[in-house]
Amino acid sequence: FSMARAAIQLGLLPRMRIRHTAHDQSGQIYIGAVNWMLMAGVLWLVLA
């Protein structure tokens, strides 16, 4: 999540919706697109 946000900020990736999951910590973020793509890849690796 942090790497994706930095890449977006540096103009290396298109905008993605970023949501903070804690109001007092900037590092706790959630990016749905990254989360679900990563989950699909991880489960495929486990089953393959």
All heavy atoms as atom14 arrays in JSON, in Angstrom:
{
  "sequence": "FSMARAAIQLGLLPRMRIRHTAHDQSGQIYIGAVNWMLMAGVLWLVLA",
  "atom14_mask": [
    [1, 1, 1, 1, 1, 1, 1, 1, 1, 1, 1, 0, 0, 0],
    [1, 1, 1, 1, 1, 1, 0, 0, 0, 0, 0, 0, 0, 0],
    [1, 1, 1, 1, 1, 1, 1, 1, 0, 0, 0, 0, 0, 0],
    [1, 1, 1, 1, 1, 0, 0, 0, 0, 0, 0, 0, 0, 0],
    [1, 1, 1, 1, 1, 1, 1, 1, 1, 1, 1, 0, 0, 0],
    [1, 1, 1, 1, 1, 0, 0, 0, 0, 0, 0, 0, 0, 0],
    [1, 1, 1, 1, 1, 0, 0, 0, 0, 0, 0, 0, 0, 0],
    [1, 1, 1, 1, 1, 1, 1, 1, 0, 0, 0, 0, 0, 0],
    [1, 1, 1, 1, 1, 1, 1, 1, 1, 0, 0, 0, 0, 0],
    [1, 1, 1, 1, 1, 1, 1, 1, 0, 0, 0, 0, 0, 0],
    [1, 1, 1, 1, 0, 0, 0, 0, 0, 0, 0, 0, 0, 0],
    [1, 1, 1, 1, 1, 1, 1, 1, 0, 0, 0, 0, 0, 0],
    [1, 1, 1, 1, 1, 1, 1, 1, 0, 0, 0, 0, 0, 0],
    [1, 1, 1, 1, 1, 1, 1, 0, 0, 0, 0, 0, 0, 0],
    [1, 1, 1, 1, 1, 1, 1, 1, 1, 1, 1, 0, 0, 0],
    [1, 1, 1, 1, 1, 1, 1, 1, 0, 0, 0, 0, 0, 0],
    [1, 1, 1, 1, 1, 1, 1, 1, 1, 1, 1, 0, 0, 0],
    [1, 1, 1, 1, 1, 1, 1, 1, 0, 0, 0, 0, 0, 0],
    [1, 1, 1, 1, 1, 1, 1, 1, 1, 1, 1, 0, 0, 0],
    [1, 1, 1, 1, 1, 1, 1, 1, 1, 1, 0, 0, 0, 0],
    [1, 1, 1, 1, 1, 1, 1, 0, 0, 0, 0, 0, 0, 0],
    [1, 1, 1, 1, 1, 0, 0, 0, 0, 0, 0, 0, 0, 0],
    [1, 1, 1, 1, 1, 1, 1, 1, 1, 1, 0, 0, 0, 0],
    [1, 1, 1, 1, 1, 1, 1, 1, 0, 0, 0, 0, 0, 0],
    [1, 1, 1, 1, 1, 1, 1, 1, 1, 0, 0, 0, 0, 0],
    [1, 1, 1, 1, 1, 1, 0, 0, 0, 0, 0, 0, 0, 0],
    [1, 1, 1, 1, 0, 0, 0, 0, 0, 0, 0, 0, 0, 0],
    [1, 1, 1, 1, 1, 1, 1, 1, 1, 0, 0, 0, 0, 0],
    [1, 1, 1, 1, 1, 1, 1, 1, 0, 0, 0, 0, 0, 0],
    [1, 1, 1, 1, 1, 1, 1, 1, 1, 1, 1, 1, 0, 0],
    [1, 1, 1, 1, 1, 1, 1, 1, 0, 0, 0, 0, 0, 0],
    [1, 1, 1, 1, 0, 0, 0, 0, 0, 0, 0, 0, 0, 0],
    [1, 1, 1, 1, 1, 0, 0, 0, 0, 0, 0, 0, 0, 0],
    [1, 1, 1, 1, 1, 1, 1, 0, 0, 0, 0, 0, 0, 0],
    [1, 1, 1, 1, 1, 1, 1, 1, 0, 0, 0, 0, 0, 0],
    [1, 1, 1, 1, 1, 1, 1, 1, 1, 1, 1, 1, 1, 1],
    [1, 1, 1, 1, 1, 1, 1, 1, 0, 0, 0, 0, 0, 0],
    [1, 1, 1, 1, 1, 1, 1, 1, 0, 0, 0, 0, 0, 0],
    [1, 1, 1, 1, 1, 1, 1, 1, 0, 0, 0, 0, 0, 0],
    [1, 1, 1, 1, 1, 0, 0, 0, 0, 0, 0, 0, 0, 0],
    [1, 1, 1, 1, 0, 0, 0, 0, 0, 0, 0, 0, 0, 0],
    [1, 1, 1, 1, 1, 1, 1, 0, 0, 0, 0, 0, 0, 0],
    [1, 1, 1, 1, 1, 1, 1, 1, 0, 0, 0, 0, 0, 0],
    [1, 1, 1, 1, 1, 1, 1, 1, 1, 1, 1, 1, 1, 1],
    [1, 1, 1, 1, 1, 1, 1, 1, 0, 0, 0, 0, 0, 0],
    [1, 1, 1, 1, 1, 1, 1, 0, 0, 0, 0, 0, 0, 0],
    [1, 1, 1, 1, 1, 1, 1, 1, 0, 0, 0, 0, 0, 0],
    [1, 1, 1, 1, 1, 0, 0, 0, 0, 0, 0, 0, 0, 0]
  ],
  "atom14_positions": [
    [[0.83, -1.2, 0.0], [0.0, 0.0, 0.0], [0.87, 1.26, 0.0], [0.63, 2.21, -0.76], [-0.91, 0.02, 1.23], [-1.98, -1.03, 1.23], [-2.59, -1.43, 2.41], [-2.38, -1.65, 0.07], [-3.58, -2.39, 2.43], [-3.37, -2.63, 0.06], [-3.97, -3.0, 1.25], [0.0, 0.0, 0.0], [0.0, 0.0, 0.0], [0.0, 0.0, 0.0]],
    [[1.89, 1.28, 0.86], [2.76, 2.45, 0.95], [3.53, 2.66, -0.35], [3.7, 3.79, -0.81], [3.73, 2.29, 2.12], [3.03, 2.24, 3.35], [0.0, 0.0, 0.0], [0.0, 0.0, 0.0], [0.0, 0.0, 0.0], [0.0, 0.0, 0.0], [0.0, 0.0, 0.0], [0.0, 0.0, 0.0], [0.0, 0.0, 0.0], [0.0, 0.0, 0.0]],
    [[4.02, 1.56, -0.93], [4.77, 1.66, -2.18], [3.87, 2.19, -3.3], [4.29, 3.03, -4.11], [5.33, 0.29, -2.57], [6.17, 0.3, -3.85], [7.78, 1.05, -3.62], [8.64, -0.25, -2.75], [0.0, 0.0, 0.0], [0.0, 0.0, 0.0], [0.0, 0.0, 0.0], [0.0, 0.0, 0.0], [0.0, 0.0, 0.0], [0.0, 0.0, 0.0]],
    [[2.63, 1.72, -3.36], [1.7, 2.19, -4.38], [1.41, 3.67, -4.22], [1.37, 4.43, -5.2], [0.4, 1.38, -4.33], [0.0, 0.0, 0.0], [0.0, 0.0, 0.0], [0.0, 0.0, 0.0], [0.0, 0.0, 0.0], [0.0, 0.0, 0.0], [0.0, 0.0, 0.0], [0.0, 0.0, 0.0], [0.0, 0.0, 0.0], [0.0, 0.0, 0.0]],
    [[1.2, 4.12, -2.98], [0.93, 5.54, -2.75], [2.12, 6.39, -3.18], [1.95, 7.42, -3.85], [0.62, 5.81, -1.27], [0.45, 7.3, -0.97], [-0.08, 7.57, 0.41], [0.85, 7.21, 1.46], [0.67, 7.48, 2.75], [-0.45, 8.11, 3.13], [1.54, 7.11, 3.66], [0.0, 0.0, 0.0], [0.0, 0.0, 0.0], [0.0, 0.0, 0.0]],
    [[3.34, 5.97, -2.83], [4.52, 6.73, -3.23], [4.66, 6.77, -4.75], [5.02, 7.79, -5.33], [5.77, 6.14, -2.6], [0.0, 0.0, 0.0], [0.0, 0.0, 0.0], [0.0, 0.0, 0.0], [0.0, 0.0, 0.0], [0.0, 0.0, 0.0], [0.0, 0.0, 0.0], [0.0, 0.0, 0.0], [0.0, 0.0, 0.0], [0.0, 0.0, 0.0]],
    [[4.37, 5.63, -5.42], [4.46, 5.58, -6.88], [3.43, 6.52, -7.52], [3.72, 7.18, -8.52], [4.26, 4.15, -7.37], [0.0, 0.0, 0.0], [0.0, 0.0, 0.0], [0.0, 0.0, 0.0], [0.0, 0.0, 0.0], [0.0, 0.0, 0.0], [0.0, 0.0, 0.0], [0.0, 0.0, 0.0], [0.0, 0.0, 0.0], [0.0, 0.0, 0.0]],
    [[2.24, 6.57, -6.96], [1.21, 7.49, -7.46], [1.68, 8.93, -7.29], [1.58, 9.76, -8.2], [-0.13, 7.27, -6.73], [-0.72, 5.89, -7.1], [-1.14, 8.35, -7.07], [-1.87, 5.47, -6.21], [0.0, 0.0, 0.0], [0.0, 0.0, 0.0], [0.0, 0.0, 0.0], [0.0, 0.0, 0.0], [0.0, 0.0, 0.0], [0.0, 0.0, 0.0]],
    [[2.2, 9.24, -6.11], [2.65, 10.59, -5.83], [3.77, 11.03, -6.77], [3.86, 12.2, -7.14], [3.15, 10.69, -4.39], [2.05, 10.54, -3.34], [1.21, 11.8, -3.26], [0.46, 12.09, -4.17], [1.35, 12.54, -2.17], [0.0, 0.0, 0.0], [0.0, 0.0, 0.0], [0.0, 0.0, 0.0], [0.0, 0.0, 0.0], [0.0, 0.0, 0.0]],
    [[4.62, 10.09, -7.15], [5.74, 10.41, -8.03], [5.37, 10.33, -9.5], [6.23, 10.46, -10.37], [6.92, 9.47, -7.73], [7.58, 9.68, -6.36], [8.57, 8.56, -6.07], [8.27, 11.03, -6.28], [0.0, 0.0, 0.0], [0.0, 0.0, 0.0], [0.0, 0.0, 0.0], [0.0, 0.0, 0.0], [0.0, 0.0, 0.0], [0.0, 0.0, 0.0]],
    [[4.09, 10.11, -9.79], [3.63, 10.11, -11.16], [3.92, 8.84, -11.92], [3.93, 8.83, -13.16], [0.0, 0.0, 0.0], [0.0, 0.0, 0.0], [0.0, 0.0, 0.0], [0.0, 0.0, 0.0], [0.0, 0.0, 0.0], [0.0, 0.0, 0.0], [0.0, 0.0, 0.0], [0.0, 0.0, 0.0], [0.0, 0.0, 0.0], [0.0, 0.0, 0.0]],
    [[4.13, 7.72, -11.21], [4.45, 6.46, -11.87], [3.24, 5.56, -12.05], [3.31, 4.58, -12.79], [5.52, 5.71, -11.06], [6.85, 6.45, -10.86], [7.76, 5.66, -9.94], [7.51, 6.74, -12.19], [0.0, 0.0, 0.0], [0.0, 0.0, 0.0], [0.0, 0.0, 0.0], [0.0, 0.0, 0.0], [0.0, 0.0, 0.0], [0.0, 0.0, 0.0]],
    [[2.15, 5.86, -11.38], [0.92, 5.08, -11.49], [-0.27, 6.04, -11.56], [-0.2, 7.16, -11.03], [0.75, 4.15, -10.29], [1.64, 2.9, -10.22], [1.41, 2.16, -8.91], [1.39, 1.97, -11.4], [0.0, 0.0, 0.0], [0.0, 0.0, 0.0], [0.0, 0.0, 0.0], [0.0, 0.0, 0.0], [0.0, 0.0, 0.0], [0.0, 0.0, 0.0]],
    [[-1.36, 5.6, -12.17], [-2.57, 6.44, -12.2], [-3.18, 6.55, -10.81], [-2.84, 5.78, -9.89], [-3.5, 5.7, -13.17], [-3.03, 4.29, -13.16], [-1.55, 4.35, -12.94], [0.0, 0.0, 0.0], [0.0, 0.0, 0.0], [0.0, 0.0, 0.0], [0.0, 0.0, 0.0], [0.0, 0.0, 0.0], [0.0, 0.0, 0.0], [0.0, 0.0, 0.0]],
    [[-4.11, 7.5, -10.66], [-4.78, 7.68, -9.38], [-5.49, 6.41, -8.94], [-6.1, 5.72, -9.74], [-5.83, 8.79, -9.48], [-5.31, 10.16, -9.78], [-6.45, 11.17, -9.68], [-7.63, 10.75, -10.42], [-7.93, 11.14, -11.65], [-7.12, 11.94, -12.29], [-9.03, 10.73, -12.24], [0.0, 0.0, 0.0], [0.0, 0.0, 0.0], [0.0, 0.0, 0.0]],
    [[-5.4, 6.12, -7.66], [-6.18, 5.05, -7.05], [-6.79, 5.59, -5.76], [-6.17, 6.42, -5.08], [-5.32, 3.82, -6.77], [-4.99, 3.01, -8.01], [-4.03, 1.52, -7.66], [-2.37, 2.2, -7.76], [0.0, 0.0, 0.0], [0.0, 0.0, 0.0], [0.0, 0.0, 0.0], [0.0, 0.0, 0.0], [0.0, 0.0, 0.0], [0.0, 0.0, 0.0]],
    [[-7.96, 5.11, -5.44], [-8.64, 5.59, -4.23], [-7.89, 5.1, -3.0], [-7.69, 3.9, -2.81], [-10.08, 5.11, -4.21], [-10.89, 5.6, -3.02], [-12.35, 5.18, -3.16], [-13.12, 5.48, -1.97], [-13.59, 6.67, -1.65], [-13.37, 7.69, -2.44], [-14.3, 6.86, -0.55], [0.0, 0.0, 0.0], [0.0, 0.0, 0.0], [0.0, 0.0, 0.0]],
    [[-7.48, 6.04, -2.16], [-6.73, 5.73, -0.95], [-7.55, 6.14, 0.26], [-8.04, 7.27, 0.32], [-5.37, 6.45, -0.93], [-4.52, 5.99, -2.12], [-4.63, 6.2, 0.37], [-3.19, 6.72, -2.24], [0.0, 0.0, 0.0], [0.0, 0.0, 0.0], [0.0, 0.0, 0.0], [0.0, 0.0, 0.0], [0.0, 0.0, 0.0], [0.0, 0.0, 0.0]],
    [[-7.7, 5.24, 1.18], [-8.51, 5.54, 2.36], [-7.67, 5.33, 3.62], [-7.01, 4.31, 3.78], [-9.73, 4.62, 2.41], [-10.65, 4.91, 3.59], [-12.05, 4.36, 3.33], [-12.07, 2.93, 3.16], [-12.1, 2.05, 4.17], [-12.09, 2.48, 5.4], [-12.15, 0.76, 3.93], [0.0, 0.0, 0.0], [0.0, 0.0, 0.0], [0.0, 0.0, 0.0]],
    [[-7.71, 6.31, 4.51], [-7.02, 6.17, 5.79], [-7.86, 5.31, 6.72], [-9.06, 5.52, 6.87], [-6.78, 7.54, 6.42], [-5.66, 8.29, 5.79], [-4.34, 8.03, 6.06], [-5.66, 9.28, 4.86], [-3.58, 8.83, 5.34], [-4.36, 9.6, 4.61], [0.0, 0.0, 0.0], [0.0, 0.0, 0.0], [0.0, 0.0, 0.0], [0.0, 0.0, 0.0]],
    [[-7.2, 4.37, 7.39], [-7.91, 3.5, 8.32], [-7.67, 3.91, 9.77], [-8.18, 3.27, 10.68], [-7.46, 2.04, 8.12], [-6.04, 1.95, 8.28], [-7.84, 1.55, 6.73], [0.0, 0.0, 0.0], [0.0, 0.0, 0.0], [0.0, 0.0, 0.0], [0.0, 0.0, 0.0], [0.0, 0.0, 0.0], [0.0, 0.0, 0.0], [0.0, 0.0, 0.0]],
    [[-6.88, 4.96, 9.97], [-6.66, 5.5, 11.31], [-6.52, 7.01, 11.17], [-5.79, 7.5, 10.31], [-5.4, 4.91, 11.95], [0.0, 0.0, 0.0], [0.0, 0.0, 0.0], [0.0, 0.0, 0.0], [0.0, 0.0, 0.0], [0.0, 0.0, 0.0], [0.0, 0.0, 0.0], [0.0, 0.0, 0.0], [0.0, 0.0, 0.0], [0.0, 0.0, 0.0]],
    [[-7.21, 7.76, 12.02], [-7.22, 9.21, 11.9], [-5.97, 9.87, 12.46], [-5.76, 11.06, 12.25], [-8.45, 9.78, 12.61], [-9.74, 9.41, 11.94], [-10.08, 9.85, 10.69], [-10.77, 8.61, 12.35], [-11.27, 9.36, 10.34], [-11.7, 8.6, 11.34], [0.0, 0.0, 0.0], [0.0, 0.0, 0.0], [0.0, 0.0, 0.0], [0.0, 0.0, 0.0]],
    [[-5.14, 9.1, 13.17], [-3.96, 9.71, 13.78], [-2.65, 9.11, 13.27], [-1.6, 9.38, 13.81], [-4.02, 9.57, 15.31], [-4.13, 8.11, 15.74], [-4.38, 7.24, 14.87], [-3.95, 7.83, 16.94], [0.0, 0.0, 0.0], [0.0, 0.0, 0.0], [0.0, 0.0, 0.0], [0.0, 0.0, 0.0], [0.0, 0.0, 0.0], [0.0, 0.0, 0.0]],
    [[-2.71, 8.28, 12.22], [-1.5, 7.68, 11.67], [-1.54, 7.75, 10.16], [-2.41, 7.16, 9.52], [-1.36, 6.21, 12.11], [-1.09, 6.01, 13.59], [0.3, 6.5, 13.98], [1.25, 6.42, 13.21], [0.42, 7.03, 15.18], [0.0, 0.0, 0.0], [0.0, 0.0, 0.0], [0.0, 0.0, 0.0], [0.0, 0.0, 0.0], [0.0, 0.0, 0.0]],
    [[-0.58, 8.48, 9.56], [-0.57, 8.63, 8.11], [-0.21, 7.35, 7.4], [-0.55, 7.16, 6.23], [0.43, 9.73, 7.73], [1.75, 9.33, 8.08], [0.0, 0.0, 0.0], [0.0, 0.0, 0.0], [0.0, 0.0, 0.0], [0.0, 0.0, 0.0], [0.0, 0.0, 0.0], [0.0, 0.0, 0.0], [0.0, 0.0, 0.0], [0.0, 0.0, 0.0]],
    [[0.52, 6.44, 8.08], [0.97, 5.22, 7.4], [-0.09, 4.15, 7.27], [0.09, 3.22, 6.48], [0.0, 0.0, 0.0], [0.0, 0.0, 0.0], [0.0, 0.0, 0.0], [0.0, 0.0, 0.0], [0.0, 0.0, 0.0], [0.0, 0.0, 0.0], [0.0, 0.0, 0.0], [0.0, 0.0, 0.0], [0.0, 0.0, 0.0], [0.0, 0.0, 0.0]],
    [[-1.17, 4.26, 8.02], [-2.2, 3.22, 7.97], [-3.22, 3.59, 6.9], [-4.15, 4.35, 7.14], [-2.85, 3.05, 9.34], [-1.9, 2.48, 10.38], [-2.61, 2.11, 11.67], [-3.81, 1.88, 11.7], [-1.85, 2.07, 12.76], [0.0, 0.0, 0.0], [0.0, 0.0, 0.0], [0.0, 0.0, 0.0], [0.0, 0.0, 0.0], [0.0, 0.0, 0.0]],
    [[-3.03, 3.02, 5.73], [-3.89, 3.31, 4.59], [-4.38, 2.02, 3.97], [-3.86, 0.93, 4.25], [-3.14, 4.15, 3.51], [-1.91, 3.4, 3.02], [-2.79, 5.52, 4.06], [-1.19, 4.08, 1.87], [0.0, 0.0, 0.0], [0.0, 0.0, 0.0], [0.0, 0.0, 0.0], [0.0, 0.0, 0.0], [0.0, 0.0, 0.0], [0.0, 0.0, 0.0]],
    [[-5.39, 2.16, 3.14], [-5.97, 1.01, 2.44], [-6.24, 1.4, 1.0], [-6.85, 2.44, 0.73], [-7.28, 0.58, 3.12], [-8.06, -0.46, 2.34], [-7.63, -1.77, 2.27], [-9.23, -0.11, 1.66], [-8.34, -2.72, 1.55], [-9.95, -1.05, 0.95], [-9.5, -2.36, 0.89], [-10.2, -3.29, 0.18], [0.0, 0.0, 0.0], [0.0, 0.0, 0.0]],
    [[-5.74, 0.6, 0.07], [-5.98, 0.82, -1.35], [-6.66, -0.42, -1.89], [-6.04, -1.48, -2.07], [-4.67, 1.1, -2.12], [-3.91, 2.26, -1.48], [-4.96, 1.41, -3.59], [-2.59, 2.56, -2.13], [0.0, 0.0, 0.0], [0.0, 0.0, 0.0], [0.0, 0.0, 0.0], [0.0, 0.0, 0.0], [0.0, 0.0, 0.0], [0.0, 0.0, 0.0]],
    [[-7.95, -0.32, -2.13], [-8.74, -1.48, -2.51], [-8.23, -2.17, -3.75], [-8.16, -3.41, -3.81], [0.0, 0.0, 0.0], [0.0, 0.0, 0.0], [0.0, 0.0, 0.0], [0.0, 0.0, 0.0], [0.0, 0.0, 0.0], [0.0, 0.0, 0.0], [0.0, 0.0, 0.0], [0.0, 0.0, 0.0], [0.0, 0.0, 0.0], [0.0, 0.0, 0.0]],
    [[-7.87, -1.41, -4.79], [-7.42, -2.01, -6.03], [-6.17, -2.86, -5.81], [-6.06, -3.99, -6.32], [-7.13, -0.91, -7.07], [0.0, 0.0, 0.0], [0.0, 0.0, 0.0], [0.0, 0.0, 0.0], [0.0, 0.0, 0.0], [0.0, 0.0, 0.0], [0.0, 0.0, 0.0], [0.0, 0.0, 0.0], [0.0, 0.0, 0.0], [0.0, 0.0, 0.0]],
    [[-5.23, -2.35, -5.02], [-4.01, -3.1, -4.72], [-4.34, -4.34, -3.88], [-3.82, -5.43, -4.12], [-3.0, -2.21, -3.99], [-1.78, -3.01, -3.54], [-2.57, -1.06, -4.89], [0.0, 0.0, 0.0], [0.0, 0.0, 0.0], [0.0, 0.0, 0.0], [0.0, 0.0, 0.0], [0.0, 0.0, 0.0], [0.0, 0.0, 0.0], [0.0, 0.0, 0.0]],
    [[-5.21, -4.18, -2.9], [-5.55, -5.27, -1.99], [-6.14, -6.47, -2.74], [-5.7, -7.61, -2.57], [-6.54, -4.78, -0.94], [-6.86, -5.82, 0.11], [-6.0, -6.21, 0.89], [-8.1, -6.29, 0.12], [0.0, 0.0, 0.0], [0.0, 0.0, 0.0], [0.0, 0.0, 0.0], [0.0, 0.0, 0.0], [0.0, 0.0, 0.0], [0.0, 0.0, 0.0]],
    [[-7.12, -6.21, -3.6], [-7.81, -7.33, -4.25], [-6.96, -7.96, -5.35], [-7.0, -9.19, -5.55], [-9.16, -6.87, -4.8], [-10.06, -6.35, -3.72], [-10.61, -5.1, -3.62], [-10.49, -7.05, -2.54], [-11.34, -4.99, -2.48], [-11.3, -6.16, -1.79], [-10.28, -8.33, -2.05], [-11.88, -6.52, -0.58], [-10.85, -8.69, -0.84], [-11.65, -7.79, -0.11]],
    [[-6.16, -7.16, -6.06], [-5.25, -7.75, -7.04], [-4.19, -8.61, -6.36], [-3.84, -9.69, -6.84], [-4.6, -6.65, -7.88], [-5.52, -6.04, -8.91], [-4.67, -4.96, -10.09], [-4.26, -3.57, -9.03], [0.0, 0.0, 0.0], [0.0, 0.0, 0.0], [0.0, 0.0, 0.0], [0.0, 0.0, 0.0], [0.0, 0.0, 0.0], [0.0, 0.0, 0.0]],
    [[-3.7, -8.12, -5.24], [-2.7, -8.89, -4.49], [-3.3, -10.18, -3.95], [-2.67, -11.24, -4.0], [-2.16, -8.02, -3.35], [-0.84, -8.45, -2.71], [0.25, -8.58, -3.74], [-0.45, -7.44, -1.63], [0.0, 0.0, 0.0], [0.0, 0.0, 0.0], [0.0, 0.0, 0.0], [0.0, 0.0, 0.0], [0.0, 0.0, 0.0], [0.0, 0.0, 0.0]],
    [[-4.52, -10.12, -3.43], [-5.17, -11.33, -2.91], [-5.36, -12.36, -4.02], [-5.1, -13.57, -3.81], [-6.53, -10.98, -2.3], [-7.17, -12.19, -1.62], [-8.87, -11.9, -1.02], [-9.78, -12.13, -2.54], [0.0, 0.0, 0.0], [0.0, 0.0, 0.0], [0.0, 0.0, 0.0], [0.0, 0.0, 0.0], [0.0, 0.0, 0.0], [0.0, 0.0, 0.0]],
    [[-5.79, -11.92, -5.19], [-5.98, -12.85, -6.31], [-4.66, -13.53, -6.67], [-4.6, -14.74, -6.9], [-6.56, -12.12, -7.52], [0.0, 0.0, 0.0], [0.0, 0.0, 0.0], [0.0, 0.0, 0.0], [0.0, 0.0, 0.0], [0.0, 0.0, 0.0], [0.0, 0.0, 0.0], [0.0, 0.0, 0.0], [0.0, 0.0, 0.0], [0.0, 0.0, 0.0]],
    [[-3.58, -12.74, -6.7], [-2.28, -13.32, -7.03], [-1.8, -14.29, -5.98], [-1.27, -15.37, -6.31], [0.0, 0.0, 0.0], [0.0, 0.0, 0.0], [0.0, 0.0, 0.0], [0.0, 0.0, 0.0], [0.0, 0.0, 0.0], [0.0, 0.0, 0.0], [0.0, 0.0, 0.0], [0.0, 0.0, 0.0], [0.0, 0.0, 0.0], [0.0, 0.0, 0.0]],
    [[-1.97, -13.96, -4.71], [-1.52, -14.83, -3.62], [-2.28, -16.15, -3.63], [-1.68, -17.24, -3.52], [-1.67, -14.11, -2.26], [-1.46, -15.09, -1.11], [-0.69, -12.96, -2.16], [0.0, 0.0, 0.0], [0.0, 0.0, 0.0], [0.0, 0.0, 0.0], [0.0, 0.0, 0.0], [0.0, 0.0, 0.0], [0.0, 0.0, 0.0], [0.0, 0.0, 0.0]],
    [[-3.59, -16.1, -3.75], [-4.39, -17.33, -3.76], [-4.06, -18.2, -4.97], [-4.02, -19.44, -4.88], [-5.88, -17.0, -3.73], [-6.4, -16.39, -2.42], [-7.88, -16.04, -2.54], [-6.17, -17.35, -1.25], [0.0, 0.0, 0.0], [0.0, 0.0, 0.0], [0.0, 0.0, 0.0], [0.0, 0.0, 0.0], [0.0, 0.0, 0.0], [0.0, 0.0, 0.0]],
    [[-3.82, -17.55, -6.11], [-3.44, -18.33, -7.29], [-2.12, -19.05, -7.06], [-1.95, -20.22, -7.43], [-3.33, -17.41, -8.51], [-2.9, -18.16, -9.74], [-3.67, -18.91, -10.57], [-1.56, -18.26, -10.25], [-2.91, -19.47, -11.57], [-1.6, -19.08, -11.4], [-0.34, -17.71, -9.86], [-0.47, -19.37, -12.15], [0.8, -18.01, -10.6], [0.72, -18.82, -11.73]],
    [[-1.16, -18.38, -6.43], [0.13, -19.01, -6.15], [-0.03, -20.2, -5.21], [0.6, -21.25, -5.41], [1.09, -17.98, -5.54], [1.64, -16.92, -6.49], [2.36, -15.83, -5.71], [2.58, -17.55, -7.5], [0.0, 0.0, 0.0], [0.0, 0.0, 0.0], [0.0, 0.0, 0.0], [0.0, 0.0, 0.0], [0.0, 0.0, 0.0], [0.0, 0.0, 0.0]],
    [[-0.86, -20.04, -4.18], [-1.08, -21.13, -3.23], [-1.67, -22.35, -3.93], [-1.21, -23.49, -3.75], [-2.0, -20.66, -2.08], [-2.48, -21.86, -1.25], [-1.27, -19.66, -1.19], [0.0, 0.0, 0.0], [0.0, 0.0, 0.0], [0.0, 0.0, 0.0], [0.0, 0.0, 0.0], [0.0, 0.0, 0.0], [0.0, 0.0, 0.0], [0.0, 0.0, 0.0]],
    [[-2.69, -22.13, -4.76], [-3.36, -23.24, -5.42], [-2.52, -23.83, -6.55], [-2.6, -25.03, -6.83], [-4.71, -22.77, -5.97], [-5.71, -22.28, -4.91], [-6.98, -21.77, -5.58], [-6.04, -23.41, -3.93], [0.0, 0.0, 0.0], [0.0, 0.0, 0.0], [0.0, 0.0, 0.0], [0.0, 0.0, 0.0], [0.0, 0.0, 0.0], [0.0, 0.0, 0.0]],
    [[-1.68, -23.01, -7.18], [-0.88, -23.5, -8.29], [0.34, -24.28, -7.82], [0.68, -25.33, -8.39], [-0.43, -22.33, -9.17], [0.0, 0.0, 0.0], [0.0, 0.0, 0.0], [0.0, 0.0, 0.0], [0.0, 0.0, 0.0], [0.0, 0.0, 0.0], [0.0, 0.0, 0.0], [0.0, 0.0, 0.0], [0.0, 0.0, 0.0], [0.0, 0.0, 0.0]]
  ]
}
